[in-house]
Protein backbone atom coordinates (compact mmCIF):
# COMPACT_ATOMS: atom_id res chain seq x y z
CA MET A 1 9.90 -20.99 11.91
CA LYS A 2 9.58 -23.83 14.42
CA ILE A 3 6.01 -22.94 15.45
CA ASP A 4 4.92 -23.17 11.80
CA ARG A 5 6.53 -26.59 11.51
CA LEU A 6 4.82 -27.83 14.68
CA LEU A 7 1.41 -26.73 13.43
CA SER A 8 2.08 -28.31 10.05
CA ILE A 9 3.07 -31.61 11.68
CA ILE A 10 -0.29 -31.74 13.45
CA MET A 11 -2.20 -30.99 10.26
CA LEU A 12 -0.25 -33.67 8.38
CA MET A 13 -1.08 -36.26 11.01
CA ILE A 14 -4.75 -35.28 10.86
CA HIS A 15 -4.84 -35.74 7.10
CA ARG A 16 -2.57 -38.77 6.80
CA GLU A 17 -3.45 -40.46 10.12
CA LYS A 18 0.06 -41.91 10.36
CA VAL A 19 3.42 -40.53 9.26
CA THR A 20 7.02 -41.54 9.93
CA ALA A 21 9.83 -39.38 11.28
CA ALA A 22 11.75 -39.93 8.04
CA GLU A 23 8.78 -38.68 5.98
CA LEU A 24 8.43 -35.59 8.15
CA ALA A 25 12.16 -34.91 8.02
CA SER A 26 12.12 -35.12 4.23
CA TYR A 27 9.00 -32.95 3.98
CA PHE A 28 10.39 -30.14 6.15
CA GLU A 29 14.02 -30.61 5.05
CA VAL A 30 15.32 -31.10 8.58
CA SER A 31 16.96 -34.01 10.39
CA VAL A 32 15.09 -36.95 11.89
CA ARG A 33 16.44 -35.88 15.28
CA THR A 34 14.82 -32.45 14.83
CA ILE A 35 11.49 -34.12 14.09
CA GLN A 36 11.83 -36.30 17.20
CA ARG A 37 12.40 -33.17 19.30
CA ASP A 38 9.35 -31.56 17.66
CA ILE A 39 7.20 -34.57 18.58
CA ASP A 40 8.48 -34.36 22.16
CA ASP A 41 7.54 -30.66 22.30
CA LEU A 42 4.05 -31.37 20.97
CA THR A 43 3.56 -34.16 23.49
CA ILE A 44 4.65 -31.89 26.36
CA ALA A 45 2.16 -29.27 25.06
CA GLY A 46 -0.64 -31.81 25.50
CA ILE A 47 -1.11 -33.01 21.92
CA PRO A 48 -1.97 -36.75 22.21
CA ILE A 49 0.58 -38.29 19.86
CA TYR A 50 1.66 -41.90 20.11
CA SER A 51 4.07 -43.91 18.01
CA GLU A 52 4.18 -47.44 16.65
CA VAL A 53 7.43 -49.19 15.83
CA GLY A 54 8.03 -51.70 13.09
CA LYS A 55 7.53 -51.89 9.36
CA ASN A 56 4.18 -50.08 9.36
CA GLY A 57 4.95 -47.85 12.32
CA GLY A 58 4.90 -44.09 12.62
CA TYR A 59 3.42 -41.19 14.55
CA GLN A 60 -0.31 -40.65 14.79
CA LEU A 61 -2.86 -38.74 16.81
CA MET A 62 -5.09 -40.44 19.33
CA GLU A 63 -8.35 -41.49 17.70
CA GLY A 64 -11.13 -38.94 18.15
CA TYR A 65 -8.71 -36.10 18.92
CA LYS A 66 -9.97 -32.60 18.10
CA MET A 67 -8.22 -29.26 18.23
CA THR A 68 -9.90 -27.43 21.08
CA GLU A 69 -9.77 -23.86 22.32
CA ASN A 70 -6.43 -24.69 23.90
CA PHE A 71 -5.19 -24.81 20.31
CA ILE A 72 -7.34 -22.16 18.61
CA SER A 73 -9.26 -19.75 20.85
CA LYS A 74 -12.63 -18.16 20.13
CA ASN A 75 -10.89 -14.81 19.58
CA GLU A 76 -8.57 -16.39 17.03
CA MET A 77 -11.51 -18.11 15.37
CA GLY A 78 -13.39 -14.81 15.29
CA THR A 79 -10.47 -13.17 13.52
CA MET A 80 -10.40 -15.96 10.96
CA ILE A 81 -14.13 -15.58 10.38
CA SER A 82 -13.70 -11.84 9.75
CA LEU A 83 -11.02 -12.58 7.17
CA LEU A 84 -13.17 -15.21 5.47
CA LYS A 85 -16.19 -12.90 5.42
CA GLY A 86 -14.12 -10.15 3.83
CA VAL A 87 -12.86 -12.41 1.08
CA SER A 88 -16.24 -14.08 0.48
CA SER A 89 -17.84 -10.66 -0.06
CA THR A 90 -15.96 -10.54 -3.37
CA ILE A 91 -15.17 -14.19 -4.15
CA ASP A 92 -18.07 -16.67 -4.17
CA ASP A 93 -16.02 -19.79 -3.56
CA GLN A 94 -17.44 -22.94 -2.02
CA SER A 95 -14.09 -23.80 -0.43
CA ILE A 96 -14.22 -20.55 1.55
CA LYS A 97 -17.74 -21.34 2.75
CA THR A 98 -16.86 -24.86 3.83
CA PHE A 99 -13.60 -23.81 5.48
CA PHE A 100 -15.56 -22.17 8.27
CA GLU A 101 -17.47 -25.38 8.90
CA LYS A 102 -14.19 -27.28 9.17
CA LEU A 103 -12.92 -24.78 11.73
CA CYS A 104 -16.05 -25.27 13.79
CA ALA A 105 -15.58 -29.03 13.57
CA MET A 106 -12.39 -28.65 15.56
CA ASP A 107 -14.47 -27.76 18.60
CA GLY A 108 -18.17 -28.46 18.96
CA SER A 109 -18.59 -25.50 21.34
CA ILE A 110 -17.69 -23.09 18.53
CA ASN A 111 -20.51 -22.38 16.12
CA ARG A 112 -21.47 -19.79 13.51
CA GLU A 113 -24.09 -18.13 15.71
CA SER A 114 -21.78 -17.57 18.66
CA LEU A 115 -19.11 -16.02 16.45
CA GLU A 116 -21.25 -13.94 14.09
CA ASN A 117 -23.84 -12.62 16.58
CA LYS A 118 -21.36 -10.51 18.49
CA LYS A 119 -21.99 -6.91 19.50
CA HIS A 120 -19.01 -5.82 17.47
CA GLU A 121 -16.20 -7.33 15.45
CA LYS A 122 -12.64 -6.85 16.62
CA ILE A 123 -11.32 -6.85 13.05
CA ILE A 124 -13.29 -5.91 9.94
CA PHE A 125 -11.65 -7.07 6.73
CA ASP A 126 -13.39 -5.49 3.73
CA ILE A 127 -11.80 -5.69 0.28
CA GLU A 128 -14.88 -4.61 -1.67
CA PRO A 129 -14.28 -1.49 -3.77
CA TRP A 130 -16.45 1.59 -3.36
CA GLY A 131 -19.50 1.86 -5.60
CA ASN A 132 -21.14 -0.81 -7.73
CA ASN A 133 -18.89 -3.86 -7.90
CA ASP A 134 -21.24 -6.41 -9.43
CA GLU A 135 -19.22 -6.57 -12.65
CA LEU A 136 -16.00 -7.11 -10.72
CA LYS A 137 -17.61 -9.89 -8.67
CA ASN A 138 -18.90 -11.58 -11.81
CA SER A 139 -15.47 -11.40 -13.44
CA ILE A 140 -13.74 -12.84 -10.38
CA GLY A 141 -16.36 -15.59 -10.23
CA VAL A 142 -15.69 -16.58 -13.85
CA ILE A 143 -11.91 -16.56 -13.32
CA ASN A 144 -12.17 -18.53 -10.08
CA ALA A 145 -14.28 -21.20 -11.76
CA ALA A 146 -11.80 -21.47 -14.64
CA ILE A 147 -8.87 -21.82 -12.23
CA ASP A 148 -10.61 -24.62 -10.32
CA LYS A 149 -11.29 -26.57 -13.52
CA SER A 150 -8.05 -25.70 -15.40
CA LEU A 151 -9.99 -24.15 -18.28
CA LEU A 152 -9.02 -21.44 -20.74
CA ILE A 153 -10.63 -17.99 -20.52
CA GLY A 154 -11.25 -15.69 -23.46
CA PHE A 155 -11.72 -11.95 -22.93
CA ALA A 156 -11.19 -8.47 -24.33
CA TYR A 157 -8.45 -6.50 -22.60
CA TYR A 158 -7.78 -2.75 -22.62
CA ASP A 159 -4.25 -1.59 -21.74
CA GLY A 160 -3.21 1.74 -20.22
CA ASN A 161 -3.37 3.40 -23.63
CA TYR A 162 -6.89 2.09 -24.31
CA ASN A 163 -5.62 -0.38 -26.87
CA LYS A 164 -7.96 -3.37 -27.10
CA SER A 165 -6.73 -6.91 -27.64
CA ASP A 166 -8.49 -10.26 -27.57
CA ARG A 167 -6.83 -12.81 -25.29
CA VAL A 168 -7.12 -16.50 -24.52
CA VAL A 169 -5.34 -17.38 -21.29
CA GLU A 170 -4.56 -20.41 -19.16
CA SER A 171 -5.96 -19.59 -15.72
CA TYR A 172 -3.59 -19.87 -12.76
CA SER A 173 -4.03 -17.28 -10.00
CA LEU A 174 -6.09 -14.45 -8.55
CA MET A 175 -4.11 -11.76 -6.77
CA TYR A 176 -5.22 -8.80 -4.66
CA LYS A 177 -2.53 -6.12 -4.46
CA ASN A 178 -2.42 -2.37 -3.99
CA ASN A 179 -6.24 -2.11 -3.74
CA SER A 180 -6.82 -3.89 -7.05
CA TRP A 181 -7.62 -7.42 -8.24
CA TYR A 182 -5.35 -9.07 -10.79
CA TYR A 183 -5.49 -12.27 -12.84
CA TYR A 184 -2.34 -14.22 -13.61
CA GLY A 185 -2.08 -16.73 -16.42
CA TYR A 186 -0.31 -17.90 -19.54
CA CYS A 187 -1.43 -15.88 -22.59
CA LEU A 188 -1.58 -18.02 -25.71
CA GLU A 189 -1.37 -14.96 -27.99
CA ARG A 190 1.79 -13.56 -26.34
CA LYS A 191 3.16 -17.03 -25.52
CA ASP A 192 4.21 -15.83 -22.09
CA TYR A 193 2.88 -15.30 -18.57
CA ARG A 194 0.91 -12.12 -18.07
CA LEU A 195 -0.70 -10.22 -15.19
CA PHE A 196 -4.04 -8.65 -16.10
CA LYS A 197 -5.90 -6.02 -14.10
CA ILE A 198 -9.41 -7.45 -13.78
CA SER A 199 -11.12 -4.06 -14.07
CA ARG A 200 -9.70 -3.90 -17.62
CA MET A 201 -11.10 -7.31 -18.64
CA PHE A 202 -14.44 -7.51 -20.46
CA ASP A 203 -16.63 -10.11 -22.16
CA LEU A 204 -15.13 -12.98 -20.17
CA GLU A 205 -15.93 -16.44 -21.47
CA ILE A 206 -14.83 -19.80 -20.12
CA LYS A 207 -13.71 -22.06 -22.95
CA ASP A 208 -14.45 -25.78 -23.09
CA THR A 209 -10.73 -26.43 -23.37
CA HIS A 210 -8.70 -27.95 -20.54
CA PHE A 211 -4.98 -27.26 -20.26
CA GLU A 212 -2.13 -28.99 -18.50
CA ILE A 213 -0.52 -26.92 -15.75
CA ARG A 214 2.92 -25.81 -16.88
CA ASP A 215 6.22 -26.35 -15.13
CA SER A 216 6.04 -25.19 -11.51
CA GLU A 217 9.28 -23.21 -11.77
CA GLU A 218 7.89 -21.16 -14.63
CA LEU A 219 4.75 -20.46 -12.62
CA GLN A 220 6.91 -18.75 -10.02
CA GLU A 221 7.21 -15.90 -12.51
CA ILE A 222 4.34 -14.29 -10.63
CA ASN A 223 6.89 -13.36 -7.96
CA ARG A 224 8.41 -11.01 -10.51
CA TYR A 225 5.21 -8.98 -10.43
CA MET A 226 4.73 -9.16 -6.69
CA SER A 227 8.26 -8.07 -5.85
CA ARG A 228 9.23 -5.64 -8.58
CA PRO A 229 12.34 -3.58 -7.77
CA SER A 230 11.65 -0.23 -6.12
CA THR A 231 13.33 3.08 -6.78
CA GLU A 232 13.99 5.78 -4.22
CA ILE A 233 12.05 8.94 -5.05
CA LYS A 234 12.92 12.19 -3.27
CA LEU A 235 10.07 14.67 -2.94
CA LYS A 236 9.63 18.23 -1.69
CA PHE A 237 6.23 18.98 -0.15
CA SER A 238 4.45 22.14 0.86
CA ASN A 239 3.79 22.37 4.60
CA GLU A 240 0.12 23.08 3.83
CA ILE A 241 -0.61 19.39 3.12
CA LYS A 242 1.18 17.91 6.11
CA GLY A 243 -2.01 16.17 7.15
CA ARG A 244 -2.26 14.25 3.86
CA LEU A 245 1.27 12.90 4.12
CA ILE A 246 0.47 10.73 7.12
CA ASP A 247 -1.10 8.12 4.80
CA TYR A 248 2.33 7.21 3.40
CA PHE A 249 4.93 8.54 5.82
CA LYS A 250 5.68 8.24 9.53
CA PRO A 251 4.90 11.26 11.73
CA GLY A 252 8.53 11.46 12.82
CA ASP A 253 9.63 11.89 9.20
CA ILE A 254 7.17 14.68 8.41
CA VAL A 255 9.36 17.49 9.71
CA GLU A 256 9.42 21.02 8.31
CA ALA A 257 12.87 22.12 7.18
CA GLU A 258 14.34 25.60 7.74
CA ASP A 259 13.06 26.77 4.35
CA GLY A 260 9.48 25.84 5.29
CA PHE A 261 9.20 22.74 3.09
CA ILE A 262 9.05 19.05 3.96
CA TYR A 263 11.60 16.76 2.31
CA LEU A 264 10.72 13.07 2.15
CA SER A 265 11.85 9.92 0.36
CA CYS A 266 9.75 6.91 -0.66
CA ASN A 267 10.48 3.64 -2.42
CA PHE A 268 8.04 2.48 -5.11
CA PRO A 269 8.26 0.67 -8.45
CA ILE A 270 8.21 3.26 -11.22
CA ASP A 271 4.84 2.77 -12.88
CA GLU A 272 1.61 4.56 -13.68
CA TRP A 273 0.48 4.45 -10.06
CA VAL A 274 3.55 6.40 -8.93
CA TYR A 275 2.89 9.19 -11.42
CA SER A 276 -0.74 9.38 -10.36
CA PHE A 277 0.36 9.41 -6.72
CA ILE A 278 2.70 12.36 -7.28
CA LEU A 279 0.34 14.36 -9.48
CA GLY A 280 -2.39 13.84 -6.89
CA TYR A 281 -0.61 16.37 -4.66
CA GLY A 282 -0.86 19.02 -7.37
CA HIS A 283 1.30 22.12 -6.89
CA HIS A 284 2.15 21.06 -3.35
CA VAL A 285 4.87 18.63 -4.45
CA GLU A 286 8.09 18.75 -6.48
CA VAL A 287 10.10 15.73 -7.60
CA LEU A 288 13.78 16.20 -6.80
CA GLU A 289 15.12 12.78 -7.77
CA PRO A 290 15.44 10.70 -9.88
CA GLN A 291 15.72 12.97 -12.90
CA SER A 292 13.78 10.56 -15.12
CA VAL A 293 10.71 10.75 -12.86
CA ARG A 294 11.05 14.52 -12.59
CA GLU A 295 11.12 14.88 -16.39
CA GLU A 296 8.10 12.59 -16.79
CA ILE A 297 6.10 14.67 -14.30
CA ILE A 298 7.13 17.90 -16.08
CA GLY A 299 5.98 16.45 -19.40
CA ARG A 300 2.62 15.45 -17.96
CA ILE A 301 2.12 18.86 -16.38
CA LYS A 302 2.74 20.49 -19.75
CA LYS A 303 0.14 18.25 -21.35
CA ILE A 304 -2.33 19.13 -18.60
CA SER A 305 -1.72 22.86 -19.12
CA CYS A 306 -2.49 22.46 -22.84
CA ASN A 307 -5.99 21.33 -21.92
CA TYR A 308 -6.57 24.76 -20.40
CA ASN A 309 -4.74 26.78 -23.09
CA ILE A 310 -2.12 27.91 -20.58
């Protein structure tokens, strides 16, 4: 998007002080003419950019320029602070703490007290789990430190079947998805990239061994986990739990059919969460399609009934 490119051009000039049109064109993979038009747009918007011609020429910002509220308003800053506070409640990262100070440096009239001592927050971003989360925080802290220093981590891992395995992993990424924290890295035992659920990791230990970051294309494997293919699941619900369906379906879709039931479709990757999601509705739901999911639910119900000698 053009607005993203314009903002990025400003940030590049702040960090590099001077940059040429050719460098910007190469960086954003656009033509030099497009960059020249972008510079014109920024100048019209009041950003003090001037250019120098010649061998050492290029675009640069006027000395002493700061991004003021005309660029980022107090409301926008307040939203950013809420996001940072939410993340910092779980991740104790110095870069997060100092990022706020850098934001304030953009405009001397914006300070921590004026933003934090408000009667209420417009947006509250809280990713802390319910209950005691000290162990989770400690684990994330260890992983975060290992990622920053490119160090190996050793830990015990329990899979979905309670099988324990000892792992040593190159640390690459932390990921928060579907209300859970995950750790992504290259497992030396499996000789492949793996995604670990942090709540299943125990006895974490940072090793004194540095590793070289692997090929960037291979690291993109994490996208495989973040965008797994979804399957359409057709479900039949009892009208009695209409109120619970609003968490996952639009009100306009929750319509009672002539037979008194509610027929809905959802798209999710087929995994353990999906089965837990369906079983959570108890006898108020029936899987219609696909047949493989229906059979899996039937098998699990039979196992449940055995626990009660039914």
